[in-house]
Amino acid sequence: MNNSSEKLGRPGQIVEIDEAKVGKRKYNRGRVIEVPNRTQDTLLRIIQDRILPGTTVMSDCWRAYDCLSSHDYEHLKEN
């Protein structure tokens, strides 16, 4: 996701999300990727900043996403 100020989604549209750290250092080469905490509060804040209320959000079954239904998102899970 880029740093665009435009939010994703709208009612009736599906946005798929997944938290991830992409990167691997081999032989001490490459850059170190710092990952902030991935708690429910952190992820919810990012989702609310990037995705419009009323959007259907599809995620994996990680428990941190369980709060989405109570924050004006329809939440679908896929294992």
C-alpha atoms as a PDB file:
ATOM      1  CA  MET A   1       0.000   0.000   0.000  1.00  0.00           C
ATOM      2  CA  ASN A   2       1.380   3.368  -0.872  1.00  0.00           C
ATOM      3  CA  ASN A   3       0.986   6.535   1.187  1.00  0.00           C
ATOM      4  CA  SER A   4      -1.943   7.847  -0.853  1.00  0.00           C
ATOM      5  CA  SER A   5      -4.458   9.905   1.087  1.00  0.00           C
ATOM      6  CA  GLU A   6      -7.336   8.218  -0.766  1.00  0.00           C
ATOM      7  CA  LYS A   7      -9.118   5.595   1.320  1.00  0.00           C
ATOM      8  CA  LEU A   8      -9.966   2.171  -0.062  1.00  0.00           C
ATOM      9  CA  GLY A   9     -13.377   0.551  -0.312  1.00  0.00           C
ATOM     10  CA  ARG A  10     -16.995   1.551   0.040  1.00  0.00           C
ATOM     11  CA  PRO A  11     -20.182  -0.270   1.074  1.00  0.00           C
ATOM     12  CA  GLY A  12     -20.581  -3.359  -1.111  1.00  0.00           C
ATOM     13  CA  GLN A  13     -16.880  -3.532  -1.994  1.00  0.00           C
ATOM     14  CA  ILE A  14     -14.389  -6.095  -0.618  1.00  0.00           C
ATOM     15  CA  VAL A  15     -10.884  -5.146   0.508  1.00  0.00           C
ATOM     16  CA  GLU A  16      -8.512  -7.992   1.367  1.00  0.00           C
ATOM     17  CA  ILE A  17      -5.967  -7.346   4.119  1.00  0.00           C
ATOM     18  CA  ASP A  18      -3.080  -9.222   5.693  1.00  0.00           C
ATOM     19  CA  GLU A  19      -0.308  -8.095   8.011  1.00  0.00           C
ATOM     20  CA  ALA A  20       3.095  -9.067   6.779  1.00  0.00           C
ATOM     21  CA  LYS A  21       6.781  -8.453   7.132  1.00  0.00           C
ATOM     22  CA  VAL A  22       8.446  -8.933   3.785  1.00  0.00           C
ATOM     23  CA  GLY A  23      12.191  -9.234   3.762  1.00  0.00           C
ATOM     24  CA  LYS A  24      14.994 -11.539   4.657  1.00  0.00           C
ATOM     25  CA  ARG A  25      18.639 -10.853   5.310  1.00  0.00           C
ATOM     26  CA  LYS A  26      21.122 -13.350   4.027  1.00  0.00           C
ATOM     27  CA  TYR A  27      24.840 -13.154   4.680  1.00  0.00           C
ATOM     28  CA  ASN A  28      24.260  -9.849   6.568  1.00  0.00           C
ATOM     29  CA  ARG A  29      23.263  -8.135   3.321  1.00  0.00           C
ATOM     30  CA  GLY A  30      20.133  -6.196   2.566  1.00  0.00           C
ATOM     31  CA  ARG A  31      18.276  -3.782   4.734  1.00  0.00           C
ATOM     32  CA  VAL A  32      16.779  -4.388   8.142  1.00  0.00           C
ATOM     33  CA  ILE A  33      13.010  -3.985   8.173  1.00  0.00           C
ATOM     34  CA  GLU A  34      11.632  -2.694  11.451  1.00  0.00           C
ATOM     35  CA  VAL A  35       8.095  -3.846  12.206  1.00  0.00           C
ATOM     36  CA  PRO A  36       5.989  -1.945  14.727  1.00  0.00           C
ATOM     37  CA  ASN A  37       3.783  -3.991  16.999  1.00  0.00           C
ATOM     38  CA  ARG A  38       0.936  -5.816  15.291  1.00  0.00           C
ATOM     39  CA  THR A  39      -1.587  -5.647  18.103  1.00  0.00           C
ATOM     40  CA  GLN A  40      -5.316  -5.320  17.585  1.00  0.00           C
ATOM     41  CA  ASP A  41      -5.226  -1.600  18.457  1.00  0.00           C
ATOM     42  CA  THR A  42      -2.414  -0.881  16.000  1.00  0.00           C
ATOM     43  CA  LEU A  43      -4.039  -2.809  13.136  1.00  0.00           C
ATOM     44  CA  LEU A  44      -7.458  -1.281  13.790  1.00  0.00           C
ATOM     45  CA  ARG A  45      -5.988   2.239  13.691  1.00  0.00           C
ATOM     46  CA  ILE A  46      -4.283   1.503  10.356  1.00  0.00           C
ATOM     47  CA  ILE A  47      -7.451  -0.068   8.919  1.00  0.00           C
ATOM     48  CA  GLN A  48      -9.567   2.912   9.986  1.00  0.00           C
ATOM     49  CA  ASP A  49      -7.001   5.294   8.439  1.00  0.00           C
ATOM     50  CA  ARG A  50      -6.944   3.413   5.110  1.00  0.00           C
ATOM     51  CA  ILE A  51     -10.365   1.771   4.606  1.00  0.00           C
ATOM     52  CA  LEU A  52     -13.763   3.467   4.504  1.00  0.00           C
ATOM     53  CA  PRO A  53     -16.442   2.384   7.010  1.00  0.00           C
ATOM     54  CA  GLY A  54     -19.062   0.040   5.560  1.00  0.00           C
ATOM     55  CA  THR A  55     -16.487  -1.797   3.445  1.00  0.00           C
ATOM     56  CA  THR A  56     -16.330  -5.589   3.573  1.00  0.00           C
ATOM     57  CA  VAL A  57     -12.897  -6.552   4.876  1.00  0.00           C
ATOM     58  CA  MET A  58     -11.558 -10.031   4.125  1.00  0.00           C
ATOM     59  CA  SER A  59      -8.708 -11.316   6.278  1.00  0.00           C
ATOM     60  CA  ASP A  60      -7.162 -14.466   7.630  1.00  0.00           C
ATOM     61  CA  CYS A  61      -8.366 -15.886  10.955  1.00  0.00           C
ATOM     62  CA  TRP A  62      -5.899 -14.015  13.129  1.00  0.00           C
ATOM     63  CA  ARG A  63      -7.640 -12.905  16.347  1.00  0.00           C
ATOM     64  CA  ALA A  64      -6.457  -9.296  16.064  1.00  0.00           C
ATOM     65  CA  TYR A  65      -8.998  -8.811  13.252  1.00  0.00           C
ATOM     66  CA  ASP A  66     -11.976 -10.044  15.301  1.00  0.00           C
ATOM     67  CA  CYS A  67     -12.901  -6.487  16.324  1.00  0.00           C
ATOM     68  CA  LEU A  68     -13.700  -5.321  12.773  1.00  0.00           C
ATOM     69  CA  SER A  69     -17.396  -6.262  12.895  1.00  0.00           C
ATOM     70  CA  SER A  70     -17.916  -3.977  15.877  1.00  0.00           C
ATOM     71  CA  HIS A  71     -16.252  -1.015  14.099  1.00  0.00           C
ATOM     72  CA  ASP A  72     -18.565  -0.530  11.078  1.00  0.00           C
ATOM     73  CA  TYR A  73     -16.923  -3.092   8.789  1.00  0.00           C
ATOM     74  CA  GLU A  74     -18.344  -6.357   7.515  1.00  0.00           C
ATOM     75  CA  HIS A  75     -15.672  -8.930   8.287  1.00  0.00           C
ATOM     76  CA  LEU A  76     -15.129 -12.103   6.276  1.00  0.00           C
ATOM     77  CA  LYS A  77     -12.474 -14.631   7.294  1.00  0.00           C
ATOM     78  CA  GLU A  78     -10.600 -17.084   5.155  1.00  0.00           C
ATOM     79  CA  ASN A  79      -8.371 -19.754   6.624  1.00  0.00           C
END
